[in-house]
């Protein structure tokens, strides 16, 4: 089975897959002219690390074929002109359309129904060769995502994009994109390392002792007996940092505080406690019977909820993120629950009222049912209505007061306007009257003709 080395791709460019021969491996090509040579050089650098694609799948006597193509089963050691018979175990006849060419069996447009054990026999019926046929698809480009739960290591996970029906392996490597002068001198072709796979967690690999401010290129190659396909992914630590959820979440009611809950938690154990790599947190909580969450952010390891509902059980969760807002929020922690304490005064009052009511009901005979509808309105609604009525009454009184003041000012001004002309007339009249000393003759005699002729404004007649 021939395998073709795969060139590297630029970030964001999807690989193009082209089949070379029927049933052969996929050939990866770049769609950008001139880039192919550069990619081939990068591929050679990766290949120099001796990460060879496996040829032996550890299954002797098994032949693999690609679904939908013509599959040829050879009969080794048989001369082309020698007569050969082919048989299929458990079947009376070969698949429809089968043909023999120079001793080999050709199965056209193979489907999953063609899988099974085939044997070739000589002219005398003797067994010459037995082969088990397995059919499947070429690998697809895997889906890859990477995440760093701390600033020293990061891990990547992947899933296949195609159900191949064949055994599959993965080759996972990485290289640092930007090298220092010292690193370039030590590794002329660039440092290529293994992203270590954990057998207990299939589909994942981890790069240890990574540098937080560096960028890496991951190569995840999916391999099966028919060929291989790969995904290149550029990784920046700041972009993929995602802490594990906080641990040790505890929620407790606060004595004598009916609407308060105390919440505390711890750093995730996977996050090293360093002064320059801190975490910040967000807290979400709600009563169990409600659906909407309240969210609070903090940098502390504890928080006091001040708006809890008295007597209702609350559910609380917490998540974490890098203090400098790099990367993403962690998943929410496991839930913790608690119920705020009830107000002692209101509880005692309710108990006293209830006891008194029960005693009165026990002593008094039952009454006829009240035809009036039961008022089931909420006390808060009553309070809101009273407050609204009070505000409305205040504005009405204020308006009446303003109107009264305006009317009083207008009436007062009108009264002043009437008084002023009368005063002027009286003043003018008084000024026109002569004084008593001017009207009398000094010697006590009667008014003379000469005095009477003084004209207007003078003495017209002697006063009595």
Protein backbone atom coordinates (compact mmCIF):
# COMPACT_ATOMS: atom_id res chain seq x y z
CA UNK A 1 0.00 0.00 0.00
CA UNK A 2 1.56 3.30 -1.10
CA UNK A 3 1.42 6.30 1.19
CA UNK A 4 2.10 9.86 0.13
CA UNK A 5 3.70 12.39 2.48
CA UNK A 6 1.43 15.37 3.15
CA UNK A 7 2.52 19.01 2.79
CA UNK A 8 1.73 21.63 5.38
CA UNK A 9 -1.02 24.20 4.93
CA UNK A 10 -1.33 27.84 5.85
CA UNK A 11 -3.62 28.69 8.72
CA UNK A 12 -7.27 28.73 7.71
CA UNK A 13 -6.70 26.90 4.39
CA UNK A 14 -8.65 23.69 3.99
CA UNK A 15 -6.71 20.78 2.46
CA UNK A 16 -7.77 19.56 -0.96
CA UNK A 17 -7.91 15.79 -1.33
CA UNK A 18 -7.39 14.09 -4.68
CA UNK A 19 -7.22 10.36 -5.33
CA UNK A 20 -4.17 9.14 -7.20
CA UNK A 21 -5.11 5.56 -8.11
CA UNK A 22 -8.19 3.50 -7.39
CA UNK A 23 -8.10 2.59 -3.75
CA UNK A 24 -4.89 4.54 -3.33
CA UNK A 25 -4.07 7.14 -0.68
CA UNK A 26 -5.25 10.75 -0.78
CA UNK A 27 -2.84 13.29 -2.18
CA UNK A 28 -2.92 16.66 -0.39
CA UNK A 29 -2.31 19.70 -2.55
CA UNK A 30 -2.38 23.43 -1.92
CA UNK A 31 -4.62 25.60 -4.07
CA UNK A 32 -2.11 28.48 -4.03
CA UNK A 33 0.51 28.34 -6.86
CA UNK A 34 4.09 28.47 -5.65
CA UNK A 35 3.12 27.56 -2.12
CA UNK A 36 3.46 23.86 -2.80
CA UNK A 37 7.28 23.90 -2.76
CA UNK A 38 7.32 25.67 0.58
CA UNK A 39 4.80 23.20 1.96
CA UNK A 40 6.82 20.24 0.69
CA UNK A 41 9.87 21.64 2.48
CA UNK A 42 7.92 21.89 5.72
CA UNK A 43 6.69 18.35 5.20
CA UNK A 44 10.23 17.13 4.76
CA UNK A 45 11.12 18.78 8.04
CA UNK A 46 8.31 16.92 9.77
CA UNK A 47 9.25 13.68 8.07
CA UNK A 48 12.84 14.08 9.25
CA UNK A 49 11.57 13.51 12.77
CA UNK A 50 11.00 9.88 11.71
CA UNK A 51 7.27 9.85 12.50
CA UNK A 52 6.48 7.31 9.80
CA UNK A 53 2.97 6.30 8.90
CA UNK A 54 2.52 2.65 9.90
CA UNK A 55 2.38 0.06 7.13
CA UNK A 56 1.72 -3.02 9.24
CA UNK A 57 -1.70 -3.15 10.90
CA UNK A 58 -0.97 -6.43 12.63
CA UNK A 59 -3.65 -8.39 10.80
CA UNK A 60 -2.18 -11.16 8.68
CA UNK A 61 -4.24 -12.40 5.78
CA UNK A 62 -6.42 -9.26 5.66
CA UNK A 63 -6.79 -7.08 2.60
CA UNK A 64 -8.38 -3.63 2.74
CA UNK A 65 -10.36 -2.02 -0.02
CA UNK A 66 -12.18 1.24 -0.62
CA UNK A 67 -15.95 1.23 -0.79
CA UNK A 68 -17.42 2.11 -4.18
CA UNK A 69 -14.30 1.15 -6.15
CA UNK A 70 -13.22 -2.02 -7.96
CA UNK A 71 -11.27 -4.26 -5.59
CA UNK A 72 -8.83 -6.88 -6.86
CA UNK A 73 -7.95 -9.98 -4.81
CA UNK A 74 -4.73 -11.64 -6.07
CA UNK A 75 -3.90 -15.33 -5.75
CA UNK A 76 -0.16 -15.38 -4.96
CA UNK A 77 2.08 -18.00 -6.57
CA UNK A 78 -0.29 -18.75 -9.41
CA UNK A 79 0.77 -18.40 -13.04
CA UNK A 80 -1.37 -16.03 -15.02
CA UNK A 81 -2.41 -18.73 -17.46
CA UNK A 82 -3.18 -21.35 -14.81
CA UNK A 83 -6.87 -22.07 -14.17
CA UNK A 84 -8.03 -20.84 -10.74
CA UNK A 85 -11.27 -21.16 -8.85
CA UNK A 86 -12.45 -18.52 -6.33
CA UNK A 87 -14.87 -19.25 -3.52
CA UNK A 88 -16.48 -17.17 -0.77
CA UNK A 89 -16.86 -18.66 2.68
CA UNK A 90 -20.47 -19.09 3.72
CA UNK A 91 -21.87 -18.30 0.26
CA UNK A 92 -22.87 -20.46 -2.67
CA UNK A 93 -21.71 -17.91 -5.23
CA UNK A 94 -19.43 -14.94 -5.65
CA UNK A 95 -20.86 -11.38 -5.55
CA UNK A 96 -22.75 -10.33 -8.65
CA UNK A 97 -20.53 -8.91 -11.38
CA UNK A 98 -17.34 -10.59 -10.13
CA UNK A 99 -14.72 -11.40 -12.76
CA UNK A 100 -11.35 -13.16 -12.92
CA UNK A 101 -8.37 -11.56 -14.59
CA UNK A 102 -5.12 -13.53 -14.84
CA UNK A 103 -5.92 -15.52 -11.73
CA UNK A 104 -7.09 -12.54 -9.65
CA UNK A 105 -10.69 -11.90 -8.56
CA UNK A 106 -12.10 -8.46 -9.42
CA UNK A 107 -15.09 -7.20 -7.37
CA UNK A 108 -16.79 -4.21 -9.11
CA UNK A 109 -18.02 -1.21 -7.09
CA UNK A 110 -17.43 -2.95 -3.79
CA UNK A 111 -20.01 -2.48 -1.03
CA UNK A 112 -20.12 -3.55 2.60
CA UNK A 113 -21.98 -6.68 1.51
CA UNK A 114 -18.83 -7.83 -0.31
CA UNK A 115 -16.84 -8.18 2.90
CA UNK A 116 -15.91 -11.69 3.96
CA UNK A 117 -13.33 -14.44 3.50
CA UNK A 118 -12.32 -15.45 -0.02
CA UNK A 119 -10.13 -18.39 -1.13
CA UNK A 120 -8.51 -19.36 -4.41
CA UNK A 121 -8.13 -23.02 -5.44
CA UNK A 122 -6.13 -24.85 -8.09
CA UNK A 123 -7.53 -26.92 -10.91
CA UNK A 124 -7.62 -29.97 -8.66
CA UNK A 125 -9.54 -28.03 -5.98
CA UNK A 126 -6.59 -27.66 -3.65
CA UNK A 127 -6.45 -24.51 -1.49
CA UNK A 128 -3.87 -22.01 -2.74
CA UNK A 129 -4.61 -18.80 -0.78
CA UNK A 130 -7.11 -17.36 1.69
CA UNK A 131 -7.75 -13.66 2.26
CA UNK A 132 -10.20 -11.70 4.45
CA UNK A 133 -11.60 -8.61 2.75
CA UNK A 134 -12.44 -5.49 4.75
CA UNK A 135 -13.91 -2.42 3.09
CA UNK A 136 -14.10 1.20 4.18
CA UNK A 137 -13.41 4.83 3.32
CA UNK A 138 -10.34 7.02 3.16
CA UNK A 139 -9.73 9.15 6.26
CA UNK A 140 -11.35 12.56 6.31
CA UNK A 141 -9.81 15.76 7.65
CA UNK A 142 -10.22 15.50 11.44
CA UNK A 143 -11.97 18.15 13.50
CA UNK A 144 -9.46 19.53 16.03
CA UNK A 145 -9.80 21.89 18.99
CA UNK A 146 -7.21 22.90 21.58
CA UNK A 147 -7.48 24.18 25.13
CA UNK A 148 -5.12 25.17 27.93
CA UNK A 149 -6.32 24.55 31.47
CA UNK A 150 -3.25 26.38 32.82
CA UNK A 151 -0.38 28.46 31.42
CA UNK A 152 2.18 25.61 31.36
CA UNK A 153 0.44 22.92 29.27
CA UNK A 154 -2.21 22.66 26.60
CA UNK A 155 -4.12 19.75 25.13
CA UNK A 156 -5.90 19.10 21.85
CA UNK A 157 -8.79 16.80 21.06
CA UNK A 158 -10.10 15.58 17.73
CA UNK A 159 -12.87 13.61 16.09
CA UNK A 160 -12.97 11.97 12.69
CA UNK A 161 -15.05 13.67 10.02
CA UNK A 162 -15.74 10.39 8.17
CA UNK A 163 -16.93 6.99 9.38
CA UNK A 164 -14.27 4.84 7.68
CA UNK A 165 -15.26 1.37 9.04
CA UNK A 166 -11.53 0.64 9.25
CA UNK A 167 -8.92 0.64 12.04
CA UNK A 168 -7.59 4.16 12.53
CA UNK A 169 -4.53 5.65 14.16
CA UNK A 170 -3.46 9.23 14.78
CA UNK A 171 -0.04 10.86 14.57
CA UNK A 172 0.13 14.06 16.63
CA UNK A 173 3.09 16.43 16.37
CA UNK A 174 3.78 20.11 16.97
CA UNK A 175 6.42 22.72 16.37
CA UNK A 176 7.03 26.16 17.80
CA UNK A 177 6.35 28.86 15.21
CA UNK A 178 8.64 31.63 16.44
CA UNK A 179 12.09 30.53 17.62
CA UNK A 180 14.74 32.48 19.49
CA UNK A 181 18.26 32.75 18.10
CA UNK A 182 19.49 30.05 20.44
CA UNK A 183 16.64 27.72 19.44
CA UNK A 184 17.34 28.31 15.75
CA UNK A 185 20.99 27.38 16.23
CA UNK A 186 20.06 24.19 18.07
CA UNK A 187 17.31 23.17 15.65
CA UNK A 188 17.97 24.34 12.12
CA UNK A 189 14.79 22.69 10.84
CA UNK A 190 12.69 23.89 13.75
CA UNK A 191 11.80 21.93 16.86
CA UNK A 192 9.31 19.16 16.10
CA UNK A 193 7.91 17.33 19.09
CA UNK A 194 5.26 14.79 19.94
CA UNK A 195 1.91 15.83 21.31
CA UNK A 196 1.65 12.97 23.79
CA UNK A 197 -1.47 10.80 23.57
CA UNK A 198 -3.00 9.27 26.67
CA UNK A 199 -4.36 5.74 26.05
CA UNK A 200 -6.89 6.23 28.85
CA UNK A 201 -8.29 9.30 27.03
CA UNK A 202 -8.45 8.43 23.32
CA UNK A 203 -8.74 11.31 20.91
CA UNK A 204 -6.60 13.69 22.99
CA UNK A 205 -2.95 14.69 23.24
CA UNK A 206 -1.01 17.09 25.48
CA UNK A 207 1.95 19.42 24.94
CA UNK A 208 3.84 19.82 28.20
CA UNK A 209 5.97 22.78 29.31
CA UNK A 210 4.60 25.10 26.68
CA UNK A 211 5.33 28.83 26.80
CA UNK A 212 2.41 31.11 27.53
CA UNK A 213 3.46 33.88 25.11
CA UNK A 214 4.44 31.54 22.23
CA UNK A 215 2.55 30.20 19.21
CA UNK A 216 2.55 26.59 18.06
CA UNK A 217 1.48 24.68 14.96
CA UNK A 218 -0.27 21.36 15.61
CA UNK A 219 -0.37 18.56 13.05
CA UNK A 220 -3.08 15.94 13.67
CA UNK A 221 -2.85 13.16 11.05
CA UNK A 222 -5.52 10.47 10.75
CA UNK A 223 -4.24 7.22 9.24
CA UNK A 224 -5.97 4.02 8.16
CA UNK A 225 -4.91 1.17 5.84
CA UNK A 226 -6.12 3.10 2.78
CA UNK A 227 -4.26 6.35 3.39
CA UNK A 228 -4.19 9.41 5.61
CA UNK A 229 -5.51 12.93 6.04
CA UNK A 230 -4.44 15.70 8.38
CA UNK A 231 -5.30 19.02 9.97
CA UNK A 232 -2.86 21.83 10.75
CA UNK A 233 -3.87 24.18 13.53
CA UNK A 234 -2.06 27.30 14.74
CA UNK A 235 -2.36 27.69 18.50
CA UNK A 236 -1.75 30.78 20.64
CA UNK A 237 -1.78 30.13 24.36
CA UNK A 238 -3.56 33.37 25.28
CA UNK A 239 -6.43 32.52 22.94
CA UNK A 240 -7.05 28.95 24.14
CA UNK A 241 -6.64 29.41 27.90
CA UNK A 242 -9.72 28.03 29.65
CA UNK A 243 -9.37 27.16 33.33
CA UNK A 244 -11.03 24.19 34.92
CA UNK A 245 -14.11 25.01 37.04
CA UNK A 246 -13.48 26.23 40.61
CA UNK A 247 -13.62 23.58 43.30
CA UNK A 248 -14.98 23.25 46.83
CA UNK A 249 -18.09 25.40 46.33
CA UNK A 250 -19.91 25.92 49.66
CA UNK A 251 -23.12 27.91 50.24
CA UNK A 252 -24.30 28.69 53.78
CA UNK A 253 -27.13 30.79 55.27
CA UNK A 254 -26.10 33.73 57.45
CA UNK A 255 -27.68 33.77 60.95
CA UNK A 256 -30.07 36.68 61.62
CA UNK A 257 -29.85 37.68 57.93
CA UNK A 258 -33.02 36.44 56.20
CA UNK A 259 -32.00 37.53 52.67
CA UNK A 260 -28.31 36.65 52.68
CA UNK A 261 -26.19 33.64 51.70
CA UNK A 262 -22.44 33.24 52.11
CA UNK A 263 -20.68 31.56 49.16
CA UNK A 264 -17.04 30.39 49.10
CA UNK A 265 -14.89 28.34 46.70
CA UNK A 266 -11.28 27.43 45.84
CA UNK A 267 -8.96 27.73 42.86
CA UNK A 268 -9.05 24.72 40.50
CA UNK A 269 -6.28 22.32 41.47
CA UNK A 270 -4.93 22.37 37.89
CA UNK A 271 -4.22 26.12 38.05
CA UNK A 272 -0.88 26.97 39.73
CA UNK A 273 -1.17 29.74 42.27
CA UNK A 274 1.26 32.36 41.00
CA UNK A 275 0.99 36.09 41.79
CA UNK A 276 1.20 37.07 38.11
CA UNK A 277 -1.38 34.52 36.91
CA UNK A 278 -4.54 35.19 38.90
CA UNK A 279 -8.13 34.25 38.18
CA UNK A 280 -11.37 36.18 38.41
CA UNK A 281 -14.75 34.60 39.01
CA UNK A 282 -18.42 34.97 38.24
CA UNK A 283 -21.22 33.69 40.42
CA UNK A 284 -24.69 32.76 39.21
CA UNK A 285 -27.59 31.99 41.54
CA UNK A 286 -31.37 31.69 41.53
CA UNK A 287 -34.21 30.25 43.60
CA UNK A 288 -34.88 26.66 42.62
CA UNK A 289 -38.43 27.52 41.55
CA UNK A 290 -37.22 30.32 39.21
CA UNK A 291 -35.55 30.00 35.82
CA UNK A 292 -33.63 33.26 35.44
CA UNK A 293 -30.13 33.63 36.92
CA UNK A 294 -28.54 36.55 38.71
CA UNK A 295 -24.81 36.96 37.95
CA UNK A 296 -22.10 38.66 40.03
CA UNK A 297 -18.39 39.00 39.15
CA UNK A 298 -15.61 39.15 41.75
CA UNK A 299 -11.88 38.60 42.21
CA UNK A 300 -12.32 37.17 45.70
CA UNK A 301 -12.78 33.58 46.81
CA UNK A 302 -16.03 34.36 48.60
CA UNK A 303 -19.13 36.47 48.09
CA UNK A 304 -22.25 37.40 50.05
CA UNK A 305 -25.56 37.24 48.20
CA UNK A 306 -27.69 40.09 49.56
CA UNK A 307 -30.90 39.71 47.55
CA UNK A 308 -31.86 36.09 48.20
CA UNK A 309 -35.51 35.19 48.77
CA UNK A 310 -36.33 34.37 52.38
CA UNK A 311 -37.33 30.77 52.94
CA UNK A 312 -36.65 29.63 49.35
CA UNK A 313 -33.93 27.15 48.42
CA UNK A 314 -31.30 28.65 46.09
CA UNK A 315 -28.93 26.97 43.62
CA UNK A 316 -25.45 28.48 43.10
CA UNK A 317 -22.64 27.89 40.58
CA UNK A 318 -19.28 29.57 39.92
CA UNK A 319 -16.85 29.75 36.96
CA UNK A 320 -13.37 31.22 36.43
CA UNK A 321 -11.37 33.13 33.83
CA UNK A 322 -7.88 34.55 33.48
CA UNK A 323 -7.57 37.79 35.46
CA UNK A 324 -6.43 39.74 32.36
CA UNK A 325 -9.44 38.49 30.36
CA UNK A 326 -7.41 36.14 28.14
CA UNK A 327 -9.13 33.10 26.69
CA UNK A 328 -12.55 31.90 27.78
CA UNK A 329 -14.62 31.34 30.91
CA UNK A 330 -14.43 27.89 32.43
CA UNK A 331 -17.39 25.58 32.56
CA UNK A 332 -19.74 26.12 35.50
CA UNK A 333 -18.92 24.25 38.67
CA UNK A 334 -21.16 21.63 40.20
CA UNK A 335 -24.27 23.06 41.86
CA UNK A 336 -24.47 23.88 45.56
CA UNK A 337 -27.74 24.66 47.37
CA UNK A 338 -28.83 26.47 50.52
CA UNK A 339 -31.88 28.22 51.99
CA UNK A 340 -31.71 31.64 53.71
CA UNK A 341 -32.88 31.71 57.34
CA UNK A 342 -36.39 32.96 58.07
CA UNK A 343 -36.94 36.24 59.92
CA UNK A 344 -37.39 35.32 63.63
CA UNK A 345 -39.71 38.26 64.41
CA UNK A 346 -42.04 37.57 61.50
CA UNK A 347 -41.95 33.85 62.23
CA UNK A 348 -42.93 34.40 65.90
CA UNK A 349 -45.65 36.85 64.88
CA UNK A 350 -47.05 34.42 62.33
CA UNK A 351 -47.05 31.58 64.88
CA UNK A 352 -48.82 33.75 67.52
CA UNK A 353 -51.45 34.90 65.04
CA UNK A 354 -52.00 31.36 63.84
CA UNK A 355 -52.41 30.01 67.40
CA UNK A 356 -54.89 32.77 68.34
CA UNK A 357 -56.90 32.18 65.20
CA UNK A 358 -57.05 28.44 65.83
CA UNK A 359 -58.24 29.02 69.42
CA UNK A 360 -60.98 31.43 68.32
CA UNK A 361 -62.14 29.01 65.67
CA UNK A 362 -62.32 26.23 68.25
CA UNK A 363 -64.51 28.33 70.61
CA UNK A 364 -66.82 29.98 68.06
CA UNK A 365 -69.43 28.08 66.05
CA UNK A 366 -68.90 27.81 62.35
CA UNK A 367 -70.46 30.63 60.38
CA UNK A 368 -72.26 30.61 57.09
CA UNK A 369 -70.00 30.91 54.11
CA UNK A 370 -69.23 34.47 53.09
CA UNK A 371 -70.52 35.17 49.59
CA UNK A 372 -67.94 37.93 49.11
CA UNK A 373 -64.98 36.97 46.91
CA UNK A 374 -61.75 36.23 48.71
CA UNK A 375 -59.10 38.87 48.33
CA UNK A 376 -55.94 36.99 47.35
CA UNK A 377 -53.94 40.01 46.35
CA UNK A 378 -50.33 40.16 47.34
CA UNK A 379 -49.41 42.52 50.25
CA UNK A 380 -46.74 44.03 48.02
CA UNK A 381 -49.40 44.88 45.46
CA UNK A 382 -51.49 46.59 48.17
CA UNK A 383 -48.49 48.61 49.26
CA UNK A 384 -47.78 49.62 45.66
CA UNK A 385 -51.39 50.78 45.22
CA UNK A 386 -51.27 52.83 48.44
CA UNK A 387 -48.00 54.47 47.41
CA UNK A 388 -49.44 55.31 43.99
CA UNK A 389 -52.58 56.87 45.55
CA UNK A 390 -50.46 58.90 47.96
CA UNK A 391 -48.32 60.28 45.14
CA UNK A 392 -51.44 61.13 43.12
CA UNK A 393 -53.03 62.95 46.09
CA UNK A 394 -49.82 64.90 46.66
CA UNK A 395 -49.79 66.20 43.09
CA UNK A 396 -53.50 67.14 43.28
CA UNK A 397 -52.95 69.14 46.50
CA UNK A 398 -49.89 70.82 45.03
CA UNK A 399 -51.87 71.86 41.94
CA UNK A 400 -54.74 73.26 44.06
CA UNK A 401 -52.26 75.21 46.19
CA UNK A 402 -50.55 76.72 43.15
CA UNK A 403 -53.89 77.76 41.61
CA UNK A 404 -55.02 79.35 44.93
CA UNK A 405 -51.80 81.38 45.19
CA UNK A 406 -52.14 82.62 41.59
CA UNK A 407 -55.76 83.72 42.16
CA UNK A 408 -54.84 85.53 45.40
CA UNK A 409 -51.99 87.41 43.69
CA UNK A 410 -54.26 88.48 40.85
CA UNK A 411 -57.01 89.72 43.19
CA UNK A 412 -54.51 91.67 45.24
CA UNK A 413 -53.06 93.34 42.17
CA UNK A 414 -56.55 94.31 40.94
CA UNK A 415 -57.40 95.92 44.30
CA UNK A 416 -54.27 98.09 44.17
CA UNK A 417 -55.15 99.27 40.66
CA UNK A 418 -58.62 100.55 41.85
CA UNK A 419 -57.29 102.34 44.96
CA UNK A 420 -54.60 104.34 43.17
CA UNK A 421 -56.84 106.63 40.89
CA UNK A 422 -59.20 107.65 43.78
CA UNK A 423 -56.25 108.64 45.84
CA UNK A 424 -54.93 110.87 43.05
CA UNK A 425 -58.32 112.60 42.59
CA UNK A 426 -58.61 113.29 46.30
CA UNK A 427 -55.10 114.63 46.39
CA UNK A 428 -55.80 116.96 43.45
CA UNK A 429 -59.01 118.27 45.05
CA UNK A 430 -57.33 119.03 48.31
CA UNK A 431 -54.60 120.91 46.48
CA UNK A 432 -57.21 123.08 44.71
CA UNK A 433 -59.01 124.21 47.93
CA UNK A 434 -57.74 127.51 49.44
CA UNK A 435 -56.55 127.70 52.95
CA UNK A 436 -58.72 129.29 55.62
CA UNK A 437 -56.28 132.10 56.19
CA UNK A 438 -56.55 133.13 52.54
CA UNK A 439 -60.33 133.36 52.57
CA UNK A 440 -60.75 135.60 55.62
CA UNK A 441 -60.22 139.37 55.80
CA UNK A 442 -57.59 140.01 58.34
CA UNK A 443 -59.68 142.73 59.98
CA UNK A 444 -62.74 140.47 60.19
CA UNK A 445 -64.64 142.14 57.36
CA UNK A 446 -66.55 140.51 54.51
CA UNK A 447 -64.93 139.33 51.31
CA UNK A 448 -64.13 142.17 49.13
CA UNK A 449 -64.80 142.42 45.43
CA UNK A 450 -61.15 142.48 44.79
CA UNK A 451 -60.61 139.17 46.50
CA UNK A 452 -63.51 137.55 44.67
CA UNK A 453 -61.94 138.46 41.38
CA UNK A 454 -58.75 136.56 41.93
CA UNK A 455 -60.04 133.82 39.66
CA UNK A 456 -60.02 130.06 39.86
CA UNK A 457 -57.99 128.68 42.63
CA UNK A 458 -58.65 131.71 44.82
CA UNK A 459 -61.33 132.46 47.41
CA UNK A 460 -64.81 132.23 45.88
CA UNK A 461 -66.73 132.79 49.09
CA UNK A 462 -65.99 133.48 52.62
CA UNK A 463 -66.26 130.53 54.88
CA UNK A 464 -69.02 130.68 57.46
